[in-house]
Amino acid sequence: MGNKRETKRKPSKMITHVKEALDHFFFDMDNLQNDPISGISLGSGFKFLNQLLVGKHAPRFSIISVPEKYWTTALGASIIAELSIRNNRSIGYFSLSVSNTYFTGVLLSIVADVDPHLMRSGRLPSERWPDLATASRDLVATELYIDDTHPLTVKAFRGQALKMMKKSKVDLLVIDNLQFILCKKQHKNKARYCQNVSQSIKKISEELNVSILLMSEFSDEYDPNDTDVTNDCQSLQFLQEFGRIPDAELCLVPGKRDRKYRPFNLHICRNREGPTGTIKLKQNLINSGFKDCKDSNA
């Protein structure tokens, strides 16, 4: 961001004197003052996700957990649309649950804001075709690469990620989703499986020096009204399964729907690089796309 020359930060150590910790604190404060994107409040939704996932000091490895009946692909496509089109991020997307053609259709319907069923069946009204054309041009102009290799092992993911990074300076790799990644060693214990896969993916993010977002599904029963995101969120079983491996953990919890939208709270349950809190989103019940609740065009 900008042309301001930055001072290189020393690698972190296990033991840090308070003076060094204060130096780092004021270094970050200086960045917040000079970076127009940094420091955005949690309520600003996708803009904050841009900073959280691929900002200057973003966590390298993040996990978003989504209730299984709400489909990780819809949220993943919405995030990608926002980051690639509005924020000009270069993204590699690993679509493990659907083909790249199907995923592209989902992405196109979200960007164009059209009914995907009418689009796929050829019944989309003629007056909406210009919207599809505009959305197509916007997507073609992005640096978005899709891989639908299935099934995918951690080793294969690393190889494909390297190929993507040779094509473009990728800012973010998105995997949809954890449940479709094959482990060399089969685990009957779900928590052990999640931790092994997460640890392997995190090592790759560190080795390749790229941020990775891993989408995941959960089926726990919960009452969203009883969940205090800053305290009780960590007690949810599906989050405990990841241990403390991710740098940031986010959890999508639905609210009560109306005729056109369903509100969602995207809880940032653990972020070692900064704040925790809640991002308010809403899902379009026609195309399943997610929008920022403060988006004036929604």
C-alpha atoms as a PDB file:
ATOM      1  CA  MET A   1       0.000   0.000   0.000  1.00  0.00           C
ATOM      2  CA  GLY A   2       1.603   3.236  -1.101  1.00  0.00           C
ATOM      3  CA  ASN A   3       5.290   3.859  -1.642  1.00  0.00           C
ATOM      4  CA  LYS A   4       6.273   4.394   1.962  1.00  0.00           C
ATOM      5  CA  ARG A   5       9.486   2.600   2.795  1.00  0.00           C
ATOM      6  CA  GLU A   6       9.024  -0.019   5.491  1.00  0.00           C
ATOM      7  CA  THR A   7      11.446  -1.119   8.164  1.00  0.00           C
ATOM      8  CA  LYS A   8      12.075  -4.857   8.089  1.00  0.00           C
ATOM      9  CA  ARG A   9      10.765  -6.628  11.158  1.00  0.00           C
ATOM     10  CA  LYS A  10      12.994  -9.113  12.935  1.00  0.00           C
ATOM     11  CA  PRO A  11      11.815 -12.738  13.030  1.00  0.00           C
ATOM     12  CA  SER A  12       9.737 -13.473  16.123  1.00  0.00           C
ATOM     13  CA  LYS A  13      11.450 -15.254  19.023  1.00  0.00           C
ATOM     14  CA  MET A  14      10.103 -17.459  21.780  1.00  0.00           C
ATOM     15  CA  ILE A  15      11.067 -14.902  24.461  1.00  0.00           C
ATOM     16  CA  THR A  16      10.559 -11.211  23.777  1.00  0.00           C
ATOM     17  CA  HIS A  17      11.471  -8.283  26.025  1.00  0.00           C
ATOM     18  CA  VAL A  18       8.683  -5.768  26.542  1.00  0.00           C
ATOM     19  CA  LYS A  19      10.713  -3.072  24.732  1.00  0.00           C
ATOM     20  CA  GLU A  20      10.828  -5.182  21.563  1.00  0.00           C
ATOM     21  CA  ALA A  21       7.117  -5.978  21.914  1.00  0.00           C
ATOM     22  CA  LEU A  22       6.365  -2.253  22.201  1.00  0.00           C
ATOM     23  CA  ASP A  23       8.477  -1.551  19.119  1.00  0.00           C
ATOM     24  CA  HIS A  24       6.364  -4.037  17.166  1.00  0.00           C
ATOM     25  CA  PHE A  25       3.148  -2.583  18.563  1.00  0.00           C
ATOM     26  CA  PHE A  26       3.998   0.964  17.463  1.00  0.00           C
ATOM     27  CA  PHE A  27       5.239  -0.358  14.130  1.00  0.00           C
ATOM     28  CA  ASP A  28       1.771  -1.829  13.535  1.00  0.00           C
ATOM     29  CA  MET A  29       0.098   1.348  14.767  1.00  0.00           C
ATOM     30  CA  ASP A  30       2.117   3.341  12.244  1.00  0.00           C
ATOM     31  CA  ASN A  31       0.942   1.004   9.480  1.00  0.00           C
ATOM     32  CA  LEU A  32      -2.679   1.483  10.538  1.00  0.00           C
ATOM     33  CA  GLN A  33      -2.258   5.256  10.280  1.00  0.00           C
ATOM     34  CA  ASN A  34      -0.762   5.074   6.786  1.00  0.00           C
ATOM     35  CA  ASP A  35      -2.686   2.177   5.263  1.00  0.00           C
ATOM     36  CA  PRO A  36      -6.210   3.142   4.065  1.00  0.00           C
ATOM     37  CA  ILE A  37      -7.420  -0.475   4.197  1.00  0.00           C
ATOM     38  CA  SER A  38      -5.912  -1.462   7.548  1.00  0.00           C
ATOM     39  CA  GLY A  39      -7.889  -0.889  10.704  1.00  0.00           C
ATOM     40  CA  ILE A  40     -11.329  -1.144   9.065  1.00  0.00           C
ATOM     41  CA  SER A  41     -14.028  -2.040  11.572  1.00  0.00           C
ATOM     42  CA  LEU A  42     -15.403  -5.574  11.589  1.00  0.00           C
ATOM     43  CA  GLY A  43     -18.782  -4.333  10.456  1.00  0.00           C
ATOM     44  CA  SER A  44     -17.389  -3.460   7.034  1.00  0.00           C
ATOM     45  CA  GLY A  45     -17.620  -7.078   5.962  1.00  0.00           C
ATOM     46  CA  PHE A  46     -15.785  -8.065   2.794  1.00  0.00           C
ATOM     47  CA  LYS A  47     -13.373  -5.133   3.055  1.00  0.00           C
ATOM     48  CA  PHE A  48     -12.297  -6.479   6.408  1.00  0.00           C
ATOM     49  CA  LEU A  49     -12.026 -10.004   4.978  1.00  0.00           C
ATOM     50  CA  ASN A  50      -9.700  -8.601   2.310  1.00  0.00           C
ATOM     51  CA  GLN A  51      -7.443  -7.261   5.040  1.00  0.00           C
ATOM     52  CA  LEU A  52      -7.790 -10.365   7.219  1.00  0.00           C
ATOM     53  CA  LEU A  53      -7.019 -12.895   4.489  1.00  0.00           C
ATOM     54  CA  VAL A  54      -4.523 -11.131   2.220  1.00  0.00           C
ATOM     55  CA  GLY A  55      -3.497  -7.881   3.910  1.00  0.00           C
ATOM     56  CA  LYS A  56       0.051  -6.810   4.731  1.00  0.00           C
ATOM     57  CA  HIS A  57       0.246  -8.787   7.948  1.00  0.00           C
ATOM     58  CA  ALA A  58      -2.523 -11.302   7.244  1.00  0.00           C
ATOM     59  CA  PRO A  59      -2.624 -14.693   8.966  1.00  0.00           C
ATOM     60  CA  ARG A  60      -1.068 -17.254   6.663  1.00  0.00           C
ATOM     61  CA  PHE A  61      -3.616 -20.001   7.319  1.00  0.00           C
ATOM     62  CA  SER A  62      -7.316 -19.399   8.025  1.00  0.00           C
ATOM     63  CA  ILE A  63     -10.342 -21.684   8.323  1.00  0.00           C
ATOM     64  CA  ILE A  64     -14.004 -20.738   7.773  1.00  0.00           C
ATOM     65  CA  SER A  65     -16.529 -23.233   9.150  1.00  0.00           C
ATOM     66  CA  VAL A  66     -19.974 -23.250   7.521  1.00  0.00           C
ATOM     67  CA  PRO A  67     -23.122 -25.209   8.548  1.00  0.00           C
ATOM     68  CA  GLU A  68     -23.242 -28.141   6.120  1.00  0.00           C
ATOM     69  CA  LYS A  69     -26.735 -27.327   4.844  1.00  0.00           C
ATOM     70  CA  TYR A  70     -25.628 -23.833   3.734  1.00  0.00           C
ATOM     71  CA  TRP A  71     -22.999 -24.985   1.210  1.00  0.00           C
ATOM     72  CA  THR A  72     -19.422 -23.756   1.506  1.00  0.00           C
ATOM     73  CA  THR A  73     -19.264 -23.083  -2.257  1.00  0.00           C
ATOM     74  CA  ALA A  74     -21.752 -20.183  -2.063  1.00  0.00           C
ATOM     75  CA  LEU A  75     -19.714 -18.361   0.596  1.00  0.00           C
ATOM     76  CA  GLY A  76     -16.422 -19.215  -1.103  1.00  0.00           C
ATOM     77  CA  ALA A  77     -17.648 -17.879  -4.458  1.00  0.00           C
ATOM     78  CA  SER A  78     -18.942 -14.696  -2.805  1.00  0.00           C
ATOM     79  CA  ILE A  79     -15.607 -14.037  -1.097  1.00  0.00           C
ATOM     80  CA  ILE A  80     -13.711 -14.697  -4.318  1.00  0.00           C
ATOM     81  CA  ALA A  81     -15.986 -12.381  -6.325  1.00  0.00           C
ATOM     82  CA  GLU A  82     -15.408  -9.555  -3.859  1.00  0.00           C
ATOM     83  CA  LEU A  83     -11.662 -10.022  -3.491  1.00  0.00           C
ATOM     84  CA  SER A  84     -10.848 -10.649  -7.152  1.00  0.00           C
ATOM     85  CA  ILE A  85     -13.115  -8.029  -8.756  1.00  0.00           C
ATOM     86  CA  ARG A  86     -13.313  -5.243  -6.185  1.00  0.00           C
ATOM     87  CA  ASN A  87      -9.878  -5.668  -4.603  1.00  0.00           C
ATOM     88  CA  ASN A  88      -7.904  -6.977  -7.607  1.00  0.00           C
ATOM     89  CA  ARG A  89      -6.558  -9.990  -5.727  1.00  0.00           C
ATOM     90  CA  SER A  90      -5.014 -12.920  -7.597  1.00  0.00           C
ATOM     91  CA  ILE A  91      -6.677 -16.097  -6.315  1.00  0.00           C
ATOM     92  CA  GLY A  92      -6.291 -19.828  -6.800  1.00  0.00           C
ATOM     93  CA  TYR A  93      -9.491 -21.775  -6.057  1.00  0.00           C
ATOM     94  CA  PHE A  94      -9.595 -25.529  -5.460  1.00  0.00           C
ATOM     95  CA  SER A  95     -13.135 -26.743  -6.121  1.00  0.00           C
ATOM     96  CA  LEU A  96     -13.309 -30.238  -4.648  1.00  0.00           C
ATOM     97  CA  SER A  97     -17.079 -30.630  -4.344  1.00  0.00           C
ATOM     98  CA  VAL A  98     -18.207 -29.424  -7.804  1.00  0.00           C
ATOM     99  CA  SER A  99     -16.662 -29.167 -11.286  1.00  0.00           C
ATOM    100  CA  ASN A 100     -14.988 -25.951 -12.398  1.00  0.00           C
ATOM    101  CA  THR A 101     -17.815 -25.426 -14.915  1.00  0.00           C
ATOM    102  CA  TYR A 102     -20.487 -25.689 -12.242  1.00  0.00           C
ATOM    103  CA  PHE A 103     -18.521 -23.457  -9.891  1.00  0.00           C
ATOM    104  CA  THR A 104     -18.070 -20.855 -12.637  1.00  0.00           C
ATOM    105  CA  GLY A 105     -21.843 -20.857 -13.121  1.00  0.00           C
ATOM    106  CA  VAL A 106     -22.355 -20.249  -9.396  1.00  0.00           C
ATOM    107  CA  LEU A 107     -19.790 -17.444  -9.474  1.00  0.00           C
ATOM    108  CA  LEU A 108     -21.350 -15.872 -12.575  1.00  0.00           C
ATOM    109  CA  SER A 109     -24.869 -15.911 -11.097  1.00  0.00           C
ATOM    110  CA  ILE A 110     -23.599 -14.220  -7.922  1.00  0.00           C
ATOM    111  CA  VAL A 111     -21.647 -11.503  -9.760  1.00  0.00           C
ATOM    112  CA  ALA A 112     -24.506 -10.865 -12.214  1.00  0.00           C
ATOM    113  CA  ASP A 113     -27.135 -11.203  -9.441  1.00  0.00           C
ATOM    114  CA  VAL A 114     -29.347 -13.532 -11.482  1.00  0.00           C
ATOM    115  CA  ASP A 115     -31.261 -16.722 -10.705  1.00  0.00           C
ATOM    116  CA  PRO A 116     -28.859 -19.631 -11.432  1.00  0.00           C
ATOM    117  CA  HIS A 117     -31.731 -22.031 -12.192  1.00  0.00           C
ATOM    118  CA  LEU A 118     -33.125 -19.734 -14.893  1.00  0.00           C
ATOM    119  CA  MET A 119     -29.602 -19.198 -16.232  1.00  0.00           C
ATOM    120  CA  ARG A 120     -28.794 -22.925 -16.504  1.00  0.00           C
ATOM    121  CA  SER A 121     -32.174 -23.868 -17.974  1.00  0.00           C
ATOM    122  CA  GLY A 122     -32.023 -21.182 -20.671  1.00  0.00           C
ATOM    123  CA  ARG A 123     -35.089 -19.392 -19.273  1.00  0.00           C
ATOM    124  CA  LEU A 124     -33.306 -16.222 -18.143  1.00  0.00           C
ATOM    125  CA  PRO A 125     -35.269 -13.161 -19.405  1.00  0.00           C
ATOM    126  CA  SER A 126     -33.556 -11.430 -22.326  1.00  0.00           C
ATOM    127  CA  GLU A 127     -33.285  -8.149 -20.393  1.00  0.00           C
ATOM    128  CA  ARG A 128     -30.918  -9.870 -17.926  1.00  0.00           C
ATOM    129  CA  TRP A 129     -28.417 -11.033 -20.545  1.00  0.00           C
ATOM    130  CA  PRO A 130     -26.499  -7.724 -20.485  1.00  0.00           C
ATOM    131  CA  ASP A 131     -25.933  -8.326 -16.760  1.00  0.00           C
ATOM    132  CA  LEU A 132     -24.381 -11.700 -17.582  1.00  0.00           C
ATOM    133  CA  ALA A 133     -22.188 -10.105 -20.233  1.00  0.00           C
ATOM    134  CA  THR A 134     -20.948  -7.451 -17.797  1.00  0.00           C
ATOM    135  CA  ALA A 135     -20.290 -10.032 -15.091  1.00  0.00           C
ATOM    136  CA  SER A 136     -18.395 -12.216 -17.594  1.00  0.00           C
ATOM    137  CA  ARG A 137     -16.164  -9.288 -18.596  1.00  0.00           C
ATOM    138  CA  ASP A 138     -15.457  -8.518 -14.944  1.00  0.00           C
ATOM    139  CA  LEU A 139     -14.506 -12.126 -14.218  1.00  0.00           C
ATOM    140  CA  VAL A 140     -12.352 -12.510 -17.347  1.00  0.00           C
ATOM    141  CA  ALA A 141     -10.362  -9.447 -16.269  1.00  0.00           C
ATOM    142  CA  THR A 142      -9.442 -11.059 -12.925  1.00  0.00           C
ATOM    143  CA  GLU A 143      -6.502 -13.294 -12.055  1.00  0.00           C
ATOM    144  CA  LEU A 144      -8.616 -16.236 -10.878  1.00  0.00           C
ATOM    145  CA  TYR A 145      -7.444 -19.816 -11.413  1.00  0.00           C
ATOM    146  CA  ILE A 146      -9.663 -22.823 -10.709  1.00  0.00           C
ATOM    147  CA  ASP A 147      -8.587 -26.409 -10.086  1.00  0.00           C
ATOM    148  CA  ASP A 148     -11.239 -29.113  -9.718  1.00  0.00           C
ATOM    149  CA  THR A 149      -8.925 -32.112  -9.254  1.00  0.00           C
ATOM    150  CA  HIS A 150     -10.901 -34.670  -7.272  1.00  0.00           C
ATOM    151  CA  PRO A 151     -10.041 -36.410  -5.075  1.00  0.00           C
ATOM    152  CA  LEU A 152      -7.202 -34.196  -3.870  1.00  0.00           C
ATOM    153  CA  THR A 153      -4.332 -35.205  -1.622  1.00  0.00           C
ATOM    154  CA  VAL A 154      -2.206 -32.712   0.304  1.00  0.00           C
ATOM    155  CA  LYS A 155       0.765 -33.552  -1.939  1.00  0.00           C
ATOM    156  CA  ALA A 156      -1.298 -32.967  -5.094  1.00  0.00           C
ATOM    157  CA  PHE A 157      -2.544 -29.661  -3.675  1.00  0.00           C
ATOM    158  CA  ARG A 158       1.017 -28.483  -3.164  1.00  0.00           C
ATOM    159  CA  GLY A 159       1.935 -29.374  -6.750  1.00  0.00           C
ATOM    160  CA  GLN A 160      -1.096 -27.638  -8.241  1.00  0.00           C
ATOM    161  CA  ALA A 161      -0.554 -24.588  -6.022  1.00  0.00           C
ATOM    162  CA  LEU A 162       2.996 -24.269  -7.340  1.00  0.00           C
ATOM    163  CA  LYS A 163       1.693 -24.360 -10.928  1.00  0.00           C
ATOM    164  CA  MET A 164      -0.813 -21.608 -10.153  1.00  0.00           C
ATOM    165  CA  MET A 165       1.860 -19.463  -8.547  1.00  0.00           C
ATOM    166  CA  LYS A 166       4.018 -19.773 -11.660  1.00  0.00           C
ATOM    167  CA  LYS A 167       1.131 -18.422 -13.754  1.00  0.00           C
ATOM    168  CA  SER A 168       0.445 -15.435 -11.515  1.00  0.00           C
ATOM    169  CA  LYS A 169       1.512 -13.807  -8.279  1.00  0.00           C
ATOM    170  CA  VAL A 170      -1.262 -15.479  -6.272  1.00  0.00           C
ATOM    171  CA  ASP A 171      -2.383 -13.595  -3.130  1.00  0.00           C
ATOM    172  CA  LEU A 172      -4.678 -16.283  -1.754  1.00  0.00           C
ATOM    173  CA  LEU A 173      -5.397 -19.996  -2.200  1.00  0.00           C
ATOM    174  CA  VAL A 174      -8.917 -21.176  -1.306  1.00  0.00           C
ATOM    175  CA  ILE A 175      -9.751 -24.860  -0.738  1.00  0.00           C
ATOM    176  CA  ASP A 176     -13.411 -25.931  -0.864  1.00  0.00           C
ATOM    177  CA  ASN A 177     -13.478 -27.945   1.252  1.00  0.00           C
ATOM    178  CA  LEU A 178     -11.671 -29.832   4.027  1.00  0.00           C
ATOM    179  CA  GLN A 179     -14.017 -32.830   3.929  1.00  0.00           C
ATOM    180  CA  PHE A 180     -12.842 -33.739   0.383  1.00  0.00           C
ATOM    181  CA  ILE A 181      -9.091 -33.763   1.069  1.00  0.00           C
ATOM    182  CA  LEU A 182      -7.591 -37.239   1.191  1.00  0.00           C
ATOM    183  CA  CYS A 183      -5.115 -38.180   3.919  1.00  0.00           C
ATOM    184  CA  LYS A 184      -2.295 -40.631   3.255  1.00  0.00           C
ATOM    185  CA  LYS A 185      -3.208 -42.216   6.571  1.00  0.00           C
ATOM    186  CA  GLN A 186      -6.905 -42.834   7.234  1.00  0.00           C
ATOM    187  CA  HIS A 187      -8.181 -41.629  10.627  1.00  0.00           C
ATOM    188  CA  LYS A 188     -11.313 -42.876  12.336  1.00  0.00           C
ATOM    189  CA  ASN A 189     -11.043 -39.952  14.755  1.00  0.00           C
ATOM    190  CA  LYS A 190     -12.427 -36.842  13.058  1.00  0.00           C
ATOM    191  CA  ALA A 191     -10.481 -34.417  15.247  1.00  0.00           C
ATOM    192  CA  ARG A 192      -7.194 -36.163  14.417  1.00  0.00           C
ATOM    193  CA  TYR A 193      -8.048 -36.036  10.692  1.00  0.00           C
ATOM    194  CA  CYS A 194      -8.847 -32.293  10.848  1.00  0.00           C
ATOM    195  CA  GLN A 195      -5.660 -31.529  12.743  1.00  0.00           C
ATOM    196  CA  ASN A 196      -3.431 -33.553  10.409  1.00  0.00           C
ATOM    197  CA  VAL A 197      -4.860 -31.965   7.268  1.00  0.00           C
ATOM    198  CA  SER A 198      -4.768 -28.481   8.811  1.00  0.00           C
ATOM    199  CA  GLN A 199      -1.168 -28.895   9.948  1.00  0.00           C
ATOM    200  CA  SER A 200      -0.110 -30.075   6.478  1.00  0.00           C
ATOM    201  CA  ILE A 201      -1.873 -27.189   4.724  1.00  0.00           C
ATOM    202  CA  LYS A 202      -0.361 -24.677   7.139  1.00  0.00           C
ATOM    203  CA  LYS A 203       3.127 -26.005   6.420  1.00  0.00           C
ATOM    204  CA  ILE A 204       2.501 -25.503   2.702  1.00  0.00           C
ATOM    205  CA  SER A 205       1.347 -21.914   3.275  1.00  0.00           C
ATOM    206  CA  GLU A 206       4.586 -21.229   5.153  1.00  0.00           C
ATOM    207  CA  GLU A 207       6.751 -23.018   2.590  1.00  0.00           C
ATOM    208  CA  LEU A 208       5.189 -21.247  -0.414  1.00  0.00           C
ATOM    209  CA  ASN A 209       4.761 -17.943   1.450  1.00  0.00           C
ATOM    210  CA  VAL A 210       1.104 -17.574   0.460  1.00  0.00           C
ATOM    211  CA  SER A 211      -2.136 -17.172   2.420  1.00  0.00           C
ATOM    212  CA  ILE A 212      -4.500 -20.147   2.383  1.00  0.00           C
ATOM    213  CA  LEU A 213      -8.196 -20.187   3.278  1.00  0.00           C
ATOM    214  CA  LEU A 214      -9.645 -23.613   4.033  1.00  0.00           C
ATOM    215  CA  MET A 215     -13.429 -23.946   3.893  1.00  0.00           C
ATOM    216  CA  SER A 216     -14.993 -26.545   6.194  1.00  0.00           C
ATOM    217  CA  GLU A 217     -18.455 -27.867   7.048  1.00  0.00           C
ATOM    218  CA  PHE A 218     -19.900 -28.621  10.471  1.00  0.00           C
ATOM    219  CA  SER A 219     -23.080 -30.348  11.606  1.00  0.00           C
ATOM    220  CA  ASP A 220     -23.190 -29.455  15.296  1.00  0.00           C
ATOM    221  CA  GLU A 221     -26.484 -28.470  16.842  1.00  0.00           C
ATOM    222  CA  TYR A 222     -26.315 -25.005  18.361  1.00  0.00           C
ATOM    223  CA  ASP A 223     -28.443 -22.034  19.305  1.00  0.00           C
ATOM    224  CA  PRO A 224     -27.021 -18.904  17.652  1.00  0.00           C
ATOM    225  CA  ASN A 225     -28.712 -16.750  20.305  1.00  0.00           C
ATOM    226  CA  ASP A 226     -26.694 -18.494  23.025  1.00  0.00           C
ATOM    227  CA  THR A 227     -23.323 -18.055  21.321  1.00  0.00           C
ATOM    228  CA  ASP A 228     -21.164 -15.284  22.727  1.00  0.00           C
ATOM    229  CA  VAL A 229     -18.587 -14.918  19.938  1.00  0.00           C
ATOM    230  CA  THR A 230     -15.818 -13.572  22.126  1.00  0.00           C
ATOM    231  CA  ASN A 231     -16.167 -16.157  24.911  1.00  0.00           C
ATOM    232  CA  ASP A 232     -18.374 -19.168  24.157  1.00  0.00           C
ATOM    233  CA  CYS A 233     -17.551 -19.602  20.468  1.00  0.00           C
ATOM    234  CA  GLN A 234     -14.436 -21.601  21.337  1.00  0.00           C
ATOM    235  CA  SER A 235     -16.591 -24.142  23.172  1.00  0.00           C
ATOM    236  CA  LEU A 236     -18.197 -25.292  19.904  1.00  0.00           C
ATOM    237  CA  GLN A 237     -16.996 -28.827  19.227  1.00  0.00           C
ATOM    238  CA  PHE A 238     -16.154 -28.384  15.540  1.00  0.00           C
ATOM    239  CA  LEU A 239     -13.756 -25.529  16.349  1.00  0.00           C
ATOM    240  CA  GLN A 240     -11.989 -27.557  19.015  1.00  0.00           C
ATOM    241  CA  GLU A 241     -11.229 -30.208  16.395  1.00  0.00           C
ATOM    242  CA  PHE A 242      -8.698 -27.885  14.732  1.00  0.00           C
ATOM    243  CA  GLY A 243      -6.665 -27.435  17.906  1.00  0.00           C
ATOM    244  CA  ARG A 244      -4.715 -24.185  17.765  1.00  0.00           C
ATOM    245  CA  ILE A 245      -3.277 -24.773  14.303  1.00  0.00           C
ATOM    246  CA  PRO A 246      -5.033 -22.050  12.228  1.00  0.00           C
ATOM    247  CA  ASP A 247      -3.883 -18.429  12.520  1.00  0.00           C
ATOM    248  CA  ALA A 248      -7.523 -17.343  12.197  1.00  0.00           C
ATOM    249  CA  GLU A 249     -10.769 -19.260  12.700  1.00  0.00           C
ATOM    250  CA  LEU A 250     -14.124 -18.000  11.459  1.00  0.00           C
ATOM    251  CA  CYS A 251     -17.561 -19.503  11.968  1.00  0.00           C
ATOM    252  CA  LEU A 252     -20.701 -18.734   9.937  1.00  0.00           C
ATOM    253  CA  VAL A 253     -23.946 -18.762  11.960  1.00  0.00           C
ATOM    254  CA  PRO A 254     -27.345 -18.107  10.295  1.00  0.00           C
ATOM    255  CA  GLY A 255     -30.080 -15.820  11.575  1.00  0.00           C
ATOM    256  CA  LYS A 256     -33.810 -15.645  10.837  1.00  0.00           C
ATOM    257  CA  ARG A 257     -34.638 -15.239   7.132  1.00  0.00           C
ATOM    258  CA  ASP A 258     -37.012 -12.795   5.488  1.00  0.00           C
ATOM    259  CA  ARG A 259     -38.558 -13.032   2.019  1.00  0.00           C
ATOM    260  CA  LYS A 260     -35.402 -12.240   0.045  1.00  0.00           C
ATOM    261  CA  TYR A 261     -32.409 -12.523   2.390  1.00  0.00           C
ATOM    262  CA  ARG A 262     -31.143 -14.552   5.305  1.00  0.00           C
ATOM    263  CA  PRO A 263     -28.829 -12.704   7.730  1.00  0.00           C
ATOM    264  CA  PHE A 264     -25.587 -14.366   8.842  1.00  0.00           C
ATOM    265  CA  ASN A 265     -22.961 -13.574  11.437  1.00  0.00           C
ATOM    266  CA  LEU A 266     -19.424 -14.516  10.457  1.00  0.00           C
ATOM    267  CA  HIS A 267     -17.707 -14.823  13.825  1.00  0.00           C
ATOM    268  CA  ILE A 268     -13.958 -14.356  14.005  1.00  0.00           C
ATOM    269  CA  CYS A 269     -13.356 -16.748  16.866  1.00  0.00           C
ATOM    270  CA  ARG A 270      -9.576 -16.655  16.949  1.00  0.00           C
ATOM    271  CA  ASN A 271      -7.216 -14.338  15.092  1.00  0.00           C
ATOM    272  CA  ARG A 272      -3.659 -14.257  16.368  1.00  0.00           C
ATOM    273  CA  GLU A 273      -2.830 -11.245  14.214  1.00  0.00           C
ATOM    274  CA  GLY A 274      -5.549  -8.885  15.419  1.00  0.00           C
ATOM    275  CA  PRO A 275      -9.145  -8.404  16.577  1.00  0.00           C
ATOM    276  CA  THR A 276     -11.928 -10.887  17.083  1.00  0.00           C
ATOM    277  CA  GLY A 277     -15.554 -10.002  16.537  1.00  0.00           C
ATOM    278  CA  THR A 278     -18.408 -10.389  14.072  1.00  0.00           C
ATOM    279  CA  ILE A 279     -18.905  -9.544  10.396  1.00  0.00           C
ATOM    280  CA  LYS A 280     -22.554  -9.163   9.398  1.00  0.00           C
ATOM    281  CA  LEU A 281     -23.460 -10.668   6.015  1.00  0.00           C
ATOM    282  CA  LYS A 282     -26.704 -11.516   4.249  1.00  0.00           C
ATOM    283  CA  GLN A 283     -27.408 -14.295   1.772  1.00  0.00           C
ATOM    284  CA  ASN A 284     -29.526 -13.764  -1.326  1.00  0.00           C
ATOM    285  CA  LEU A 285     -32.077 -16.603  -1.275  1.00  0.00           C
ATOM    286  CA  ILE A 286     -32.304 -16.592  -5.081  1.00  0.00           C
ATOM    287  CA  ASN A 287     -28.662 -17.006  -6.139  1.00  0.00           C
ATOM    288  CA  SER A 288     -27.245 -18.044  -2.705  1.00  0.00           C
ATOM    289  CA  GLY A 289     -24.621 -15.298  -2.872  1.00  0.00           C
ATOM    290  CA  PHE A 290     -23.455 -13.464   0.268  1.00  0.00           C
ATOM    291  CA  LYS A 291     -23.306  -9.684   0.504  1.00  0.00           C
ATOM    292  CA  ASP A 292     -22.054  -7.204   3.051  1.00  0.00           C
ATOM    293  CA  CYS A 293     -25.001  -5.983   5.143  1.00  0.00           C
ATOM    294  CA  LYS A 294     -23.744  -2.431   4.573  1.00  0.00           C
ATOM    295  CA  ASP A 295     -23.557  -2.853   0.788  1.00  0.00           C
ATOM    296  CA  SER A 296     -25.716  -0.097  -0.663  1.00  0.00           C
ATOM    297  CA  ASN A 297     -26.139  -2.064  -3.899  1.00  0.00           C
ATOM    298  CA  ALA A 298     -27.554  -5.127  -2.138  1.00  0.00           C
END
